[in-house]
Amino acid sequence: MPDQIYHRLKKKPARGLEKFLGELELEIMTIVWEREPVSVSDVLTTLAEKKRDLAYTTIMTVMGRLVEKGWLTAEKRGRAHFYRAVRSRHDAEAEAVGEVVRALLQDFGEVAVAQFVKELDEIDPTQLARLAELAREAEREE
């Protein structure tokens, strides 16, 4: 898995979850997070409003792949499937960051930790205090 992460990071300059999902996958996930549960038709309509002209089958295929990848769940209601996110956007981002950090630590060990510490020295003290509070909150949630 770490090789896939580094390859993906090197391959395209992307931010956030774009490093883990394709552009259309992320657009669909954003719609799901905002409006769940959604059908393929709901997503297609929302994308059309954003001037994205895509085929129903394209959206259906991508959403099916997101189910296979563990990002979405599908529930059949009548003839339509309705999709929900497996985790919130915040939780998905936290999981993605954790995956990257674990990969860096596994591959680089002490060098990765030293680099994290060096980067922390460059952060504004107010922002660093906020990060420390976020870490405490995450620890309490576990």
C-alpha atoms as a PDB file:
ATOM      1  CA  MET A   1       0.000   0.000   0.000  1.00  0.00           C
ATOM      2  CA  PRO A   2       2.722   2.598   0.753  1.00  0.00           C
ATOM      3  CA  ASP A   3       4.091   2.246  -2.766  1.00  0.00           C
ATOM      4  CA  GLN A   4       0.636   3.070  -4.124  1.00  0.00           C
ATOM      5  CA  ILE A   5       0.421   6.150  -1.920  1.00  0.00           C
ATOM      6  CA  TYR A   6       3.817   7.496  -2.978  1.00  0.00           C
ATOM      7  CA  HIS A   7       3.098   6.722  -6.621  1.00  0.00           C
ATOM      8  CA  ARG A   8      -0.224   8.555  -6.398  1.00  0.00           C
ATOM      9  CA  LEU A   9       1.338  11.524  -4.585  1.00  0.00           C
ATOM     10  CA  LYS A  10       4.098  11.780  -7.179  1.00  0.00           C
ATOM     11  CA  LYS A  11       1.798  11.191 -10.131  1.00  0.00           C
ATOM     12  CA  LYS A  12      -0.530  14.153  -9.833  1.00  0.00           C
ATOM     13  CA  PRO A  13      -0.401  17.348  -7.826  1.00  0.00           C
ATOM     14  CA  ALA A  14      -3.565  17.058  -5.785  1.00  0.00           C
ATOM     15  CA  ARG A  15      -4.793  18.260  -2.437  1.00  0.00           C
ATOM     16  CA  GLY A  16      -6.600  16.441   0.335  1.00  0.00           C
ATOM     17  CA  LEU A  17      -8.752  13.513  -0.651  1.00  0.00           C
ATOM     18  CA  GLU A  18      -7.884  14.099  -4.325  1.00  0.00           C
ATOM     19  CA  LYS A  19      -4.748  12.107  -3.529  1.00  0.00           C
ATOM     20  CA  PHE A  20      -6.925   9.071  -2.803  1.00  0.00           C
ATOM     21  CA  LEU A  21      -9.874   9.502  -5.142  1.00  0.00           C
ATOM     22  CA  GLY A  22     -10.210  10.501  -8.751  1.00  0.00           C
ATOM     23  CA  GLU A  23     -11.695  13.885  -9.607  1.00  0.00           C
ATOM     24  CA  LEU A  24     -15.144  12.480 -10.437  1.00  0.00           C
ATOM     25  CA  GLU A  25     -15.083  10.135  -7.438  1.00  0.00           C
ATOM     26  CA  LEU A  26     -14.427  13.089  -5.141  1.00  0.00           C
ATOM     27  CA  GLU A  27     -17.161  15.160  -6.787  1.00  0.00           C
ATOM     28  CA  ILE A  28     -19.603  12.304  -6.220  1.00  0.00           C
ATOM     29  CA  MET A  29     -18.473  11.792  -2.622  1.00  0.00           C
ATOM     30  CA  THR A  30     -18.929  15.520  -1.956  1.00  0.00           C
ATOM     31  CA  ILE A  31     -22.505  15.312  -3.232  1.00  0.00           C
ATOM     32  CA  VAL A  32     -23.162  12.236  -1.101  1.00  0.00           C
ATOM     33  CA  TRP A  33     -21.740  13.914   2.020  1.00  0.00           C
ATOM     34  CA  GLU A  34     -23.917  16.968   1.423  1.00  0.00           C
ATOM     35  CA  ARG A  35     -27.183  15.241   0.493  1.00  0.00           C
ATOM     36  CA  GLU A  36     -27.203  11.581   1.545  1.00  0.00           C
ATOM     37  CA  PRO A  37     -28.906   9.339   0.882  1.00  0.00           C
ATOM     38  CA  VAL A  38     -28.690   9.897  -2.875  1.00  0.00           C
ATOM     39  CA  SER A  39     -29.540   7.953  -5.989  1.00  0.00           C
ATOM     40  CA  VAL A  40     -27.553   7.912  -9.208  1.00  0.00           C
ATOM     41  CA  SER A  41     -30.202  10.244 -10.656  1.00  0.00           C
ATOM     42  CA  ASP A  42     -29.716  12.694  -7.765  1.00  0.00           C
ATOM     43  CA  VAL A  43     -25.974  12.786  -8.401  1.00  0.00           C
ATOM     44  CA  LEU A  44     -26.449  13.113 -12.160  1.00  0.00           C
ATOM     45  CA  THR A  45     -28.843  16.055 -11.670  1.00  0.00           C
ATOM     46  CA  THR A  46     -26.473  17.802  -9.252  1.00  0.00           C
ATOM     47  CA  LEU A  47     -23.512  17.351 -11.594  1.00  0.00           C
ATOM     48  CA  ALA A  48     -25.581  18.638 -14.535  1.00  0.00           C
ATOM     49  CA  GLU A  49     -26.344  21.782 -12.502  1.00  0.00           C
ATOM     50  CA  LYS A  50     -22.576  22.217 -12.178  1.00  0.00           C
ATOM     51  CA  LYS A  51     -22.244  21.941 -15.963  1.00  0.00           C
ATOM     52  CA  ARG A  52     -20.883  18.384 -15.844  1.00  0.00           C
ATOM     53  CA  ASP A  53     -22.499  16.494 -18.730  1.00  0.00           C
ATOM     54  CA  LEU A  54     -22.042  12.815 -17.913  1.00  0.00           C
ATOM     55  CA  ALA A  55     -23.929   9.658 -18.776  1.00  0.00           C
ATOM     56  CA  TYR A  56     -26.109   7.933 -16.187  1.00  0.00           C
ATOM     57  CA  THR A  57     -24.106   4.730 -16.700  1.00  0.00           C
ATOM     58  CA  THR A  58     -20.846   6.581 -15.987  1.00  0.00           C
ATOM     59  CA  ILE A  59     -22.145   7.812 -12.628  1.00  0.00           C
ATOM     60  CA  MET A  60     -23.607   4.391 -11.837  1.00  0.00           C
ATOM     61  CA  THR A  61     -20.272   2.705 -12.601  1.00  0.00           C
ATOM     62  CA  VAL A  62     -18.245   5.147 -10.508  1.00  0.00           C
ATOM     63  CA  MET A  63     -20.656   4.850  -7.581  1.00  0.00           C
ATOM     64  CA  GLY A  64     -20.478   1.054  -7.843  1.00  0.00           C
ATOM     65  CA  ARG A  65     -16.688   1.283  -7.673  1.00  0.00           C
ATOM     66  CA  LEU A  66     -16.933   3.539  -4.629  1.00  0.00           C
ATOM     67  CA  VAL A  67     -19.034   0.823  -2.989  1.00  0.00           C
ATOM     68  CA  GLU A  68     -16.368  -1.776  -3.890  1.00  0.00           C
ATOM     69  CA  LYS A  69     -13.627   0.474  -2.470  1.00  0.00           C
ATOM     70  CA  GLY A  70     -15.540   0.859   0.797  1.00  0.00           C
ATOM     71  CA  TRP A  71     -16.428   4.540   0.441  1.00  0.00           C
ATOM     72  CA  LEU A  72     -20.184   4.069  -0.100  1.00  0.00           C
ATOM     73  CA  THR A  73     -22.948   1.670   0.901  1.00  0.00           C
ATOM     74  CA  ALA A  74     -25.933   0.980  -1.331  1.00  0.00           C
ATOM     75  CA  GLU A  75     -29.493   0.161  -0.328  1.00  0.00           C
ATOM     76  CA  LYS A  76     -32.038  -0.938  -2.917  1.00  0.00           C
ATOM     77  CA  ARG A  77     -35.422   0.792  -2.698  1.00  0.00           C
ATOM     78  CA  GLY A  78     -37.738  -0.358  -5.434  1.00  0.00           C
ATOM     79  CA  ARG A  79     -35.816  -0.112  -8.668  1.00  0.00           C
ATOM     80  CA  ALA A  80     -33.286   2.461  -7.445  1.00  0.00           C
ATOM     81  CA  HIS A  81     -30.240   2.176  -5.240  1.00  0.00           C
ATOM     82  CA  PHE A  82     -29.634   4.840  -2.616  1.00  0.00           C
ATOM     83  CA  TYR A  83     -26.104   5.524  -1.478  1.00  0.00           C
ATOM     84  CA  ARG A  84     -24.639   6.702   1.799  1.00  0.00           C
ATOM     85  CA  ALA A  85     -21.067   7.469   2.772  1.00  0.00           C
ATOM     86  CA  VAL A  86     -19.418   4.844   4.959  1.00  0.00           C
ATOM     87  CA  ARG A  87     -17.723   7.612   6.961  1.00  0.00           C
ATOM     88  CA  SER A  88     -18.045  11.369   7.254  1.00  0.00           C
ATOM     89  CA  ARG A  89     -15.756  13.579   5.205  1.00  0.00           C
ATOM     90  CA  HIS A  90     -13.830  14.459   8.380  1.00  0.00           C
ATOM     91  CA  ASP A  91     -13.361  10.783   9.272  1.00  0.00           C
ATOM     92  CA  ALA A  92     -12.345   9.942   5.694  1.00  0.00           C
ATOM     93  CA  GLU A  93      -9.734  12.714   5.761  1.00  0.00           C
ATOM     94  CA  ALA A  94      -8.444  11.551   9.151  1.00  0.00           C
ATOM     95  CA  GLU A  95      -8.179   7.968   7.912  1.00  0.00           C
ATOM     96  CA  ALA A  96      -6.352   9.085   4.759  1.00  0.00           C
ATOM     97  CA  VAL A  97      -3.885  11.175   6.762  1.00  0.00           C
ATOM     98  CA  GLY A  98      -3.335   8.267   9.145  1.00  0.00           C
ATOM     99  CA  GLU A  99      -2.607   5.998   6.197  1.00  0.00           C
ATOM    100  CA  VAL A 100      -0.017   8.413   4.820  1.00  0.00           C
ATOM    101  CA  VAL A 101       1.611   8.944   8.236  1.00  0.00           C
ATOM    102  CA  ARG A 102       1.798   5.183   8.872  1.00  0.00           C
ATOM    103  CA  ALA A 103       3.343   4.659   5.438  1.00  0.00           C
ATOM    104  CA  LEU A 104       5.921   7.400   6.019  1.00  0.00           C
ATOM    105  CA  LEU A 105       6.825   6.023   9.440  1.00  0.00           C
ATOM    106  CA  GLN A 106       7.083   2.491   8.081  1.00  0.00           C
ATOM    107  CA  ASP A 107       9.272   3.526   5.162  1.00  0.00           C
ATOM    108  CA  PHE A 108      11.347   6.298   6.770  1.00  0.00           C
ATOM    109  CA  GLY A 109      11.087   5.778  10.539  1.00  0.00           C
ATOM    110  CA  GLU A 110      13.107   8.319  12.518  1.00  0.00           C
ATOM    111  CA  VAL A 111      13.715  10.501   9.474  1.00  0.00           C
ATOM    112  CA  ALA A 112       9.954  10.987   9.085  1.00  0.00           C
ATOM    113  CA  VAL A 113       9.550  11.866  12.775  1.00  0.00           C
ATOM    114  CA  ALA A 114      12.471  14.303  12.597  1.00  0.00           C
ATOM    115  CA  GLN A 115      10.932  15.960   9.541  1.00  0.00           C
ATOM    116  CA  PHE A 116       7.544  16.265  11.280  1.00  0.00           C
ATOM    117  CA  VAL A 117       9.232  17.963  14.247  1.00  0.00           C
ATOM    118  CA  LYS A 118      11.164  20.281  11.925  1.00  0.00           C
ATOM    119  CA  GLU A 119       7.935  21.270  10.172  1.00  0.00           C
ATOM    120  CA  LEU A 120       6.231  21.907  13.529  1.00  0.00           C
ATOM    121  CA  ASP A 121       8.946  24.442  14.336  1.00  0.00           C
ATOM    122  CA  GLU A 122       7.779  26.447  11.305  1.00  0.00           C
ATOM    123  CA  ILE A 123       4.116  26.572  12.408  1.00  0.00           C
ATOM    124  CA  ASP A 124       2.599  29.651  14.009  1.00  0.00           C
ATOM    125  CA  PRO A 125       2.273  29.071  17.806  1.00  0.00           C
ATOM    126  CA  THR A 126      -1.489  29.750  17.691  1.00  0.00           C
ATOM    127  CA  GLN A 127      -1.946  27.137  14.986  1.00  0.00           C
ATOM    128  CA  LEU A 128       0.300  24.722  16.901  1.00  0.00           C
ATOM    129  CA  ALA A 129      -1.884  25.139  20.009  1.00  0.00           C
ATOM    130  CA  ARG A 130      -4.969  24.382  17.895  1.00  0.00           C
ATOM    131  CA  LEU A 131      -3.289  21.256  16.504  1.00  0.00           C
ATOM    132  CA  ALA A 132      -2.461  20.102  20.037  1.00  0.00           C
ATOM    133  CA  GLU A 133      -6.116  20.566  21.020  1.00  0.00           C
ATOM    134  CA  LEU A 134      -7.246  18.560  17.984  1.00  0.00           C
ATOM    135  CA  ALA A 135      -4.866  15.765  18.975  1.00  0.00           C
ATOM    136  CA  ARG A 136      -6.301  15.738  22.514  1.00  0.00           C
ATOM    137  CA  GLU A 137      -9.856  15.624  21.127  1.00  0.00           C
ATOM    138  CA  ALA A 138      -8.958  12.716  18.850  1.00  0.00           C
ATOM    139  CA  GLU A 139      -7.389  10.870  21.766  1.00  0.00           C
ATOM    140  CA  ARG A 140     -10.547  11.326  23.878  1.00  0.00           C
ATOM    141  CA  GLU A 141     -12.703   9.950  21.037  1.00  0.00           C
ATOM    142  CA  GLU A 142     -10.720   6.694  20.914  1.00  0.00           C
END
